[in-house]
Each structure stands twice: as structure tokens, then as C-alpha cells.
Protein backbone atom coordinates (compact mmCIF):
# COMPACT_ATOMS: atom_id res chain seq x y z
CA UNK A 1 -10.81 10.06 60.42
CA UNK A 2 -14.09 8.89 58.94
CA UNK A 3 -17.30 7.61 60.52
CA UNK A 4 -18.81 5.26 57.98
CA UNK A 5 -22.08 4.25 59.63
CA UNK A 6 -24.89 3.56 57.18
CA UNK A 7 -27.15 6.57 56.76
CA UNK A 8 -30.81 6.15 57.79
CA UNK A 9 -33.49 5.97 55.13
CA UNK A 10 -36.58 8.11 54.63
CA UNK A 11 -40.12 6.89 54.08
CA UNK A 12 -39.37 5.99 50.45
CA UNK A 13 -36.47 3.75 51.47
CA UNK A 14 -33.95 6.12 49.85
CA UNK A 15 -31.61 8.67 51.41
CA UNK A 16 -32.79 12.27 51.02
CA UNK A 17 -29.36 13.06 49.59
CA UNK A 18 -27.15 10.47 47.94
CA UNK A 19 -23.90 11.51 46.25
CA UNK A 20 -21.29 9.23 44.75
CA UNK A 21 -18.08 10.68 43.28
CA UNK A 22 -19.61 14.15 42.80
CA UNK A 23 -17.14 16.39 40.98
CA UNK A 24 -17.31 20.07 40.05
CA UNK A 25 -14.68 21.89 38.00
CA UNK A 26 -14.28 25.61 37.37
CA UNK A 27 -12.08 25.48 34.30
CA UNK A 28 -8.99 23.48 35.26
CA UNK A 29 -9.63 23.86 38.99
CA UNK A 30 -11.50 21.12 40.84
CA UNK A 31 -13.74 22.68 43.51
CA UNK A 32 -15.27 19.31 44.49
CA UNK A 33 -13.12 16.21 44.14
CA UNK A 34 -15.35 13.17 44.41
CA UNK A 35 -17.91 13.82 47.15
CA UNK A 36 -19.57 10.76 48.70
CA UNK A 37 -22.46 11.57 51.02
CA UNK A 38 -25.66 9.95 52.32
CA UNK A 39 -28.17 12.00 54.31
CA UNK A 40 -31.72 11.14 55.32
CA UNK A 41 -34.39 12.38 57.65
CA UNK A 42 -35.26 15.69 59.25
CA UNK A 43 -32.21 17.14 60.98
CA UNK A 44 -29.72 19.99 60.86
CA UNK A 45 -26.71 18.97 58.80
CA UNK A 46 -23.79 21.36 59.19
CA UNK A 47 -21.19 21.82 56.47
CA UNK A 48 -17.89 23.03 57.90
CA UNK A 49 -14.35 23.49 56.69
CA UNK A 50 -11.70 26.13 55.98
CA UNK A 51 -12.09 28.87 53.38
CA UNK A 52 -11.91 27.38 49.90
CA UNK A 53 -12.92 23.91 51.11
CA UNK A 54 -15.87 23.75 48.69
CA UNK A 55 -18.75 24.47 51.08
CA UNK A 56 -20.58 26.96 48.87
CA UNK A 57 -19.98 24.85 45.75
CA UNK A 58 -21.45 21.80 47.47
CA UNK A 59 -24.55 23.70 48.60
CA UNK A 60 -25.08 25.27 45.18
CA UNK A 61 -24.75 21.81 43.65
CA UNK A 62 -27.38 20.39 46.01
CA UNK A 63 -29.95 23.00 44.98
CA UNK A 64 -29.33 22.43 41.28
CA UNK A 65 -27.57 25.69 40.46
CA UNK A 66 -24.43 24.06 39.03
CA UNK A 67 -23.71 21.48 36.38
CA UNK A 68 -21.92 18.58 38.05
CA UNK A 69 -20.40 15.23 37.20
CA UNK A 70 -21.06 12.20 39.37
CA UNK A 71 -21.57 8.46 39.41
CA UNK A 72 -24.77 9.20 41.34
CA UNK A 73 -26.27 12.52 42.47
CA UNK A 74 -29.77 12.32 43.92
CA UNK A 75 -31.63 14.87 46.05
CA UNK A 76 -35.17 13.86 46.99
CA UNK A 77 -34.94 11.34 44.16
CA UNK A 78 -34.12 14.02 41.56
CA UNK A 79 -30.96 13.57 39.54
CA UNK A 80 -28.73 16.65 39.76
CA UNK A 81 -27.24 15.75 36.36
CA UNK A 82 -30.60 16.21 34.63
CA UNK A 83 -33.50 18.67 34.68
CA UNK A 84 -33.80 19.91 38.28
CA UNK A 85 -36.85 22.15 37.81
CA UNK A 86 -39.10 19.82 39.87
CA UNK A 87 -36.48 19.73 42.63
CA UNK A 88 -36.42 23.52 42.95
CA UNK A 89 -40.15 23.48 43.68
CA UNK A 90 -39.54 21.60 46.95
CA UNK A 91 -36.36 23.40 48.02
CA UNK A 92 -35.71 26.50 50.07
CA UNK A 93 -32.38 28.23 49.51
CA UNK A 94 -30.66 31.14 51.27
CA UNK A 95 -27.40 32.12 49.50
CA UNK A 96 -24.50 33.98 51.08
CA UNK A 97 -25.35 37.20 49.25
CA UNK A 98 -28.78 38.77 49.82
CA UNK A 99 -30.69 37.93 46.64
CA UNK A 100 -34.19 39.35 47.21
CA UNK A 101 -35.49 42.54 45.62
CA UNK A 102 -34.02 45.54 47.53
CA UNK A 103 -36.49 48.05 46.05
CA UNK A 104 -39.52 45.98 47.10
CA UNK A 105 -40.90 45.96 50.62
CA UNK A 106 -40.75 42.97 52.93
CA UNK A 107 -44.39 42.18 52.11
CA UNK A 108 -43.87 42.61 48.37
CA UNK A 109 -40.91 40.21 48.42
CA UNK A 110 -43.04 37.64 50.19
CA UNK A 111 -45.79 38.07 47.60
CA UNK A 112 -43.28 37.51 44.76
CA UNK A 113 -42.11 34.28 46.36
CA UNK A 114 -45.71 33.20 46.93
CA UNK A 115 -46.58 33.76 43.27
CA UNK A 116 -43.51 31.80 42.15
CA UNK A 117 -44.80 28.85 44.15
CA UNK A 118 -48.45 29.34 43.15
CA UNK A 119 -49.55 30.12 46.71
CA UNK A 120 -52.72 32.09 47.25
CA UNK A 121 -52.63 35.15 49.53
CA UNK A 122 -54.37 33.42 52.44
CA UNK A 123 -51.93 30.49 52.44
CA UNK A 124 -48.90 32.77 52.11
CA UNK A 125 -50.09 34.96 54.98
CA UNK A 126 -50.83 31.95 57.21
CA UNK A 127 -47.33 30.57 56.66
CA UNK A 128 -45.41 33.83 56.81
CA UNK A 129 -47.04 35.58 59.75
CA UNK A 130 -45.71 33.28 62.54
CA UNK A 131 -42.16 33.58 61.20
CA UNK A 132 -42.44 37.35 60.77
CA UNK A 133 -43.64 37.67 64.34
CA UNK A 134 -40.98 35.31 65.67
CA UNK A 135 -38.18 37.23 63.97
CA UNK A 136 -39.49 40.69 64.82
CA UNK A 137 -40.10 41.54 61.15
CA UNK A 138 -43.88 41.91 61.48
CA UNK A 139 -43.74 45.70 62.18
CA UNK A 140 -41.51 46.24 59.13
CA UNK A 141 -43.49 44.62 56.32
CA UNK A 142 -43.80 48.01 54.60
CA UNK A 143 -40.07 48.76 54.67
CA UNK A 144 -37.95 48.30 51.55
CA UNK A 145 -35.75 45.20 51.83
CA UNK A 146 -32.67 47.19 50.83
CA UNK A 147 -33.11 49.43 53.87
CA UNK A 148 -33.19 46.59 56.37
CA UNK A 149 -30.24 45.86 58.65
CA UNK A 150 -28.03 42.88 57.81
CA UNK A 151 -29.70 40.68 60.39
CA UNK A 152 -33.21 41.66 59.25
CA UNK A 153 -32.29 40.92 55.63
CA UNK A 154 -31.20 37.42 56.58
CA UNK A 155 -34.36 36.86 58.61
CA UNK A 156 -36.40 37.94 55.59
CA UNK A 157 -34.41 35.58 53.37
CA UNK A 158 -35.10 32.67 55.75
CA UNK A 159 -38.81 33.60 55.90
CA UNK A 160 -39.04 33.61 52.10
CA UNK A 161 -37.20 30.29 51.86
CA UNK A 162 -39.63 28.70 54.33
CA UNK A 163 -42.75 30.10 52.64
CA UNK A 164 -43.28 27.16 50.23
CA UNK A 165 -42.78 24.71 53.14
CA UNK A 166 -39.78 23.03 51.48
CA UNK A 167 -38.71 19.48 52.16
CA UNK A 168 -35.08 20.65 52.23
CA UNK A 169 -33.83 24.03 53.39
CA UNK A 170 -30.28 24.94 52.30
CA UNK A 171 -28.56 27.94 53.89
CA UNK A 172 -25.10 29.21 53.01
CA UNK A 173 -23.64 30.93 56.11
CA UNK A 174 -26.94 32.71 56.83
CA UNK A 175 -25.72 34.27 60.09
CA UNK A 176 -22.36 35.60 58.85
CA UNK A 177 -21.97 39.21 59.91
CA UNK A 178 -25.32 39.49 61.69
CA UNK A 179 -25.79 40.48 65.33
CA UNK A 180 -26.06 37.94 68.13
CA UNK A 181 -29.80 38.49 68.65
CA UNK A 182 -30.57 37.90 64.96
CA UNK A 183 -28.42 34.76 65.01
CA UNK A 184 -30.32 33.39 67.98
CA UNK A 185 -33.67 34.14 66.30
CA UNK A 186 -32.63 32.44 63.06
CA UNK A 187 -31.37 29.38 64.93
CA UNK A 188 -34.55 29.21 67.02
CA UNK A 189 -36.53 28.93 63.77
CA UNK A 190 -34.19 26.29 62.35
CA UNK A 191 -34.33 24.24 65.55
CA UNK A 192 -38.13 24.23 65.41
CA UNK A 193 -38.26 23.32 61.71
CA UNK A 194 -35.69 20.49 61.89
CA UNK A 195 -38.41 18.17 63.15
CA UNK A 196 -40.02 18.23 59.71
CA UNK A 197 -37.36 19.47 57.29
CA UNK A 198 -33.82 18.49 56.35
CA UNK A 199 -31.78 21.65 56.94
CA UNK A 200 -28.33 21.87 55.35
CA UNK A 201 -26.33 24.84 56.64
CA UNK A 202 -22.76 25.93 56.11
CA UNK A 203 -21.22 27.88 58.96
CA UNK A 204 -17.92 29.14 60.33
CA UNK A 205 -19.21 29.64 63.88
CA UNK A 206 -18.06 27.00 66.38
CA UNK A 207 -21.23 27.17 68.47
CA UNK A 208 -23.34 26.62 65.34
CA UNK A 209 -21.28 23.56 64.37
CA UNK A 210 -21.85 22.21 67.88
CA UNK A 211 -25.62 22.81 67.54
CA UNK A 212 -25.93 20.67 64.39
CA UNK A 213 -27.21 17.10 64.56
CA UNK A 214 -24.52 15.95 62.13
CA UNK A 215 -21.56 17.66 60.52
CA UNK A 216 -19.86 17.20 57.16
CA UNK A 217 -16.27 18.44 57.32
CA UNK A 218 -14.84 19.42 53.93
CA UNK A 219 -11.29 20.26 52.96
CA UNK A 220 -9.92 20.89 49.46
CA UNK A 221 -13.15 19.67 47.89
CA UNK A 222 -13.20 16.35 49.75
CA UNK A 223 -15.33 14.95 52.57
CA UNK A 224 -12.90 14.37 55.44
CA UNK A 225 -15.46 13.03 57.90
CA UNK A 226 -19.19 12.94 58.72
CA UNK A 227 -20.81 12.47 62.11
CA UNK A 228 -22.50 13.99 65.14
CA UNK A 229 -20.35 16.68 66.82
CA UNK A 230 -19.99 14.62 70.00
CA UNK A 231 -18.91 11.57 67.99
CA UNK A 232 -16.36 13.57 66.03
CA UNK A 233 -14.94 15.10 69.20
CA UNK A 234 -14.66 11.68 70.86
CA UNK A 235 -12.79 10.30 67.86
CA UNK A 236 -10.11 13.02 67.88
CA UNK A 237 -6.89 11.66 69.48
CA UNK A 238 -6.29 14.71 71.66
CA UNK A 239 -6.46 15.66 75.32
CA UNK A 240 -7.35 19.26 76.14
CA UNK A 241 -6.06 21.25 79.13
CA UNK A 242 -6.35 24.82 80.35
CA UNK A 243 -3.69 26.72 82.30
CA UNK A 244 -4.85 29.94 83.96
CA UNK A 245 -2.72 32.97 84.79
CA UNK A 246 -2.22 36.71 84.30
CA UNK A 247 -0.26 36.27 81.06
CA UNK A 248 -1.77 33.42 79.01
CA UNK A 249 0.50 34.21 76.05
CA UNK A 250 3.60 33.69 78.16
CA UNK A 251 2.11 30.48 79.52
CA UNK A 252 1.40 29.21 76.02
CA UNK A 253 4.99 29.91 74.94
CA UNK A 254 6.39 28.13 77.98
CA UNK A 255 4.10 25.12 77.66
CA UNK A 256 5.23 24.46 74.08
CA UNK A 257 8.60 23.39 75.52
CA UNK A 258 6.97 20.23 76.89
CA UNK A 259 7.77 17.55 74.30
CA UNK A 260 4.32 15.96 74.43
CA UNK A 261 2.40 19.20 73.76
CA UNK A 262 0.81 19.34 70.30
CA UNK A 263 -0.12 23.00 70.47
CA UNK A 264 -0.87 25.85 72.88
CA UNK A 265 -2.31 29.33 72.50
CA UNK A 266 -3.80 32.06 74.63
CA UNK A 267 -7.58 32.33 74.85
CA UNK A 268 -8.97 34.96 77.20
CA UNK A 269 -7.41 34.47 80.64
CA UNK A 270 -6.07 30.98 80.05
CA UNK A 271 -3.91 29.02 77.63
CA UNK A 272 -5.47 26.14 75.67
CA UNK A 273 -3.12 23.19 75.57
CA UNK A 274 -3.55 20.20 73.27
CA UNK A 275 -1.75 16.90 73.85
CA UNK A 276 -1.73 13.96 71.42
CA UNK A 277 -3.02 10.88 73.22
CA UNK A 278 -0.30 8.60 71.86
CA UNK A 279 2.36 10.96 73.25
CA UNK A 280 0.58 11.84 76.49
CA UNK A 281 2.20 10.74 79.77
CA UNK A 282 -1.32 10.74 81.23
CA UNK A 283 -3.52 13.49 82.72
CA UNK A 284 -1.98 13.22 86.18
CA UNK A 285 1.56 13.84 84.85
CA UNK A 286 0.42 16.60 82.47
CA UNK A 287 -1.39 18.45 85.27
CA UNK A 288 1.63 18.02 87.56
CA UNK A 289 3.92 19.53 84.92
CA UNK A 290 1.56 22.44 84.25
CA UNK A 291 1.07 23.25 87.93
CA UNK A 292 4.82 23.16 88.43
CA UNK A 293 5.21 26.07 85.97
CA UNK A 294 4.61 28.71 88.65
CA UNK A 295 7.54 30.78 87.46
CA UNK A 296 5.89 31.02 84.03
CA UNK A 297 2.71 32.39 85.56
CA UNK A 298 0.53 29.26 85.88
CA UNK A 299 -1.87 29.64 88.79
CA UNK A 300 -4.35 26.89 87.97
CA UNK A 301 -4.36 23.94 85.55
CA UNK A 302 -7.23 21.63 84.65
CA UNK A 303 -8.23 19.05 82.08
CA UNK A 304 -11.39 19.78 80.09
CA UNK A 305 -13.53 17.94 77.56
CA UNK A 306 -12.43 18.20 73.96
CA UNK A 307 -14.50 20.87 72.22
CA UNK A 308 -15.57 21.60 68.65
CA UNK A 309 -12.74 24.10 68.17
CA UNK A 310 -10.06 21.50 68.89
CA UNK A 311 -11.94 18.92 66.84
CA UNK A 312 -12.06 21.12 63.74
CA UNK A 313 -8.43 22.19 64.09
CA UNK A 314 -7.36 18.57 64.47
CA UNK A 315 -9.30 17.56 61.36
CA UNK A 316 -7.66 20.36 59.40
CA UNK A 317 -4.15 19.48 60.57
CA UNK A 318 -4.60 15.75 60.00
CA UNK A 319 -5.98 16.29 56.49
CA UNK A 320 -3.08 18.62 55.66
CA UNK A 321 -0.60 15.99 56.81
CA UNK A 322 -2.29 13.28 54.72
CA UNK A 323 -2.08 15.42 51.59
CA UNK A 324 1.38 16.84 52.13
CA UNK A 325 0.34 20.37 53.10
CA UNK A 326 1.22 22.52 56.06
CA UNK A 327 -0.90 22.00 59.19
């Protein structure tokens, strides 16, 4: 599945990111296998896909950290195949691994970043203070970065990345392993900044994929599809049902006997049931069959809107089928 609508243009008439046949090899292994991508305008662009899909490699390529091959590879008009020093001056980057100075305090790390971008103290303070206050870091500016919690480290990394007011902010799974409160605070900042900045973020969290304006789904170093989450969900040829009962696992096992069921599994107190549209006898018949499974523990059955979880699983299965792998 691929949505091929023409990407919007920025004020210069060019996409903010334009990639044609971008390839990256690590020795004999191809991590990226011909990426085509157009992105323009302030938004949150999510990069999703299974482990090993090439998400981190793509993000590191976009910020100029890797040597790449491509027919065309432009970010903010800078060619990724040439000197990218000017590009790095207008980028903010938060890698997966905390990369600030652990022995320096929060304030000292901010001062280092300010000096790297030739910002005077007044400008740096004016830009950093609102973010420090928003994230709850303001009382901890004297604490060593290495002694911060995981969530506070990531909030500091985001604050430092925003300090030079970048035109593009690239974040590689910035909320992985952090607490729910820290995740919400980081996303609140990103949601505010997306009005002025292109934010590219890789994530494995379903709710974060759903919160993105557009999503790039990668698998085995290829772009499988690009689009808004709602568009991608609508394009997936599945119907989604839920069957409630005391033993959702038993329900899921029983439901798989229906020949039109694509997949079923227990989730909380209900079983999620996916039906391929081309094999579906229709919602009325499916619900009748599910409600008739009283002996298998079904107490309630309902159809529900297709969600991001089913969309991503469907993309993964379909791509595996196209390339001869196991779903």
C-alpha cells in the first residue's frame, strides 16, 4: 500500500526533505535500500517500523552523520552527499543514547550547546528557560546530567536540541524507557513546536504514531507507505471486532476457527479479531457468529474502528508477503 500524493512545498518552492534512491550500506549489508521521500512544512513526521527496519539509519542520514549514496538527497537544500556542516547549524538532533556531558550540570550542558551555536548568554537563557520550566527541569539546573533520571535526561536532550531554534528537529525514539509523565511533557513541547518546525521522530509507541501528522512506515530498509495515520488506517483492507468475556485467550483460540478471520488475540478483557474485507461475510454476519459463541465464553461482540495497531501489523504482514518472508 502506498499513498503517492504530491508533497507540499515550503516557501522556497522545494520540499524540506527530498530523497531519491537513498542507499546506505554497512559493509555488504544494505540498511537502506533506495529510499524515496518528500517532506515539506512544519509538522510531526513519524518514522515507524519493526526492529531492524532502518529507522535509526534513516534519521542519522538526515542529520548528516552517515555517508550515503543517492540520486538526490536534499535536506533544507543541503546535499547529504557533500559537506553538511552548514546543515548541522540549523538542525536539532536527539539520538537514542544520551550524548550530553554526564559530568557537567544541566546549566553547563546548555552553555556548551549555546557556545557551539554562537549564542550569547541572554539569548540562550531566554530560549531555554520556558522549556526548562515546562519540563520541570528548572529546579535542577545545578545537578549533574549523569545523575538525572532517564526521563529528565531526555527532557534535557530535547531542551538542548531546541536551543538553537532549529528548522528541523530529529529525535530517535526520545521517549523509549521514560515514564508516562515525562513522555507527556516531551510530546507537549513537540506539539507546540510543530507549528514552526519540521519534527522527525522515530517511535515504537502506538499512541505516538497516532499523534503524528504523517507517518513513514519502513521495513527492511524500504519505504512501505507514507501518509496521515487516519489515511493509512482507512486504506488497510481489514475490519476490526472485539469479543468480550472472562477468558479472552480462549475466545481468541475459538474465533480463529472461523474461516474468514485473519487473526485474533487476547487484549485485556477482550479478544481483538481482524477480518480481511475481501473475505468478510459482512459485519452483521460476523457479529452474529461471534455472539453465537456463548459456549466459548463470548458475552459481548462489537465492531470497532480500525486502529493504528492493526494498521501497523497489516503493513508488516503485507510487506512480508510481498517479499517472501513470514508474516
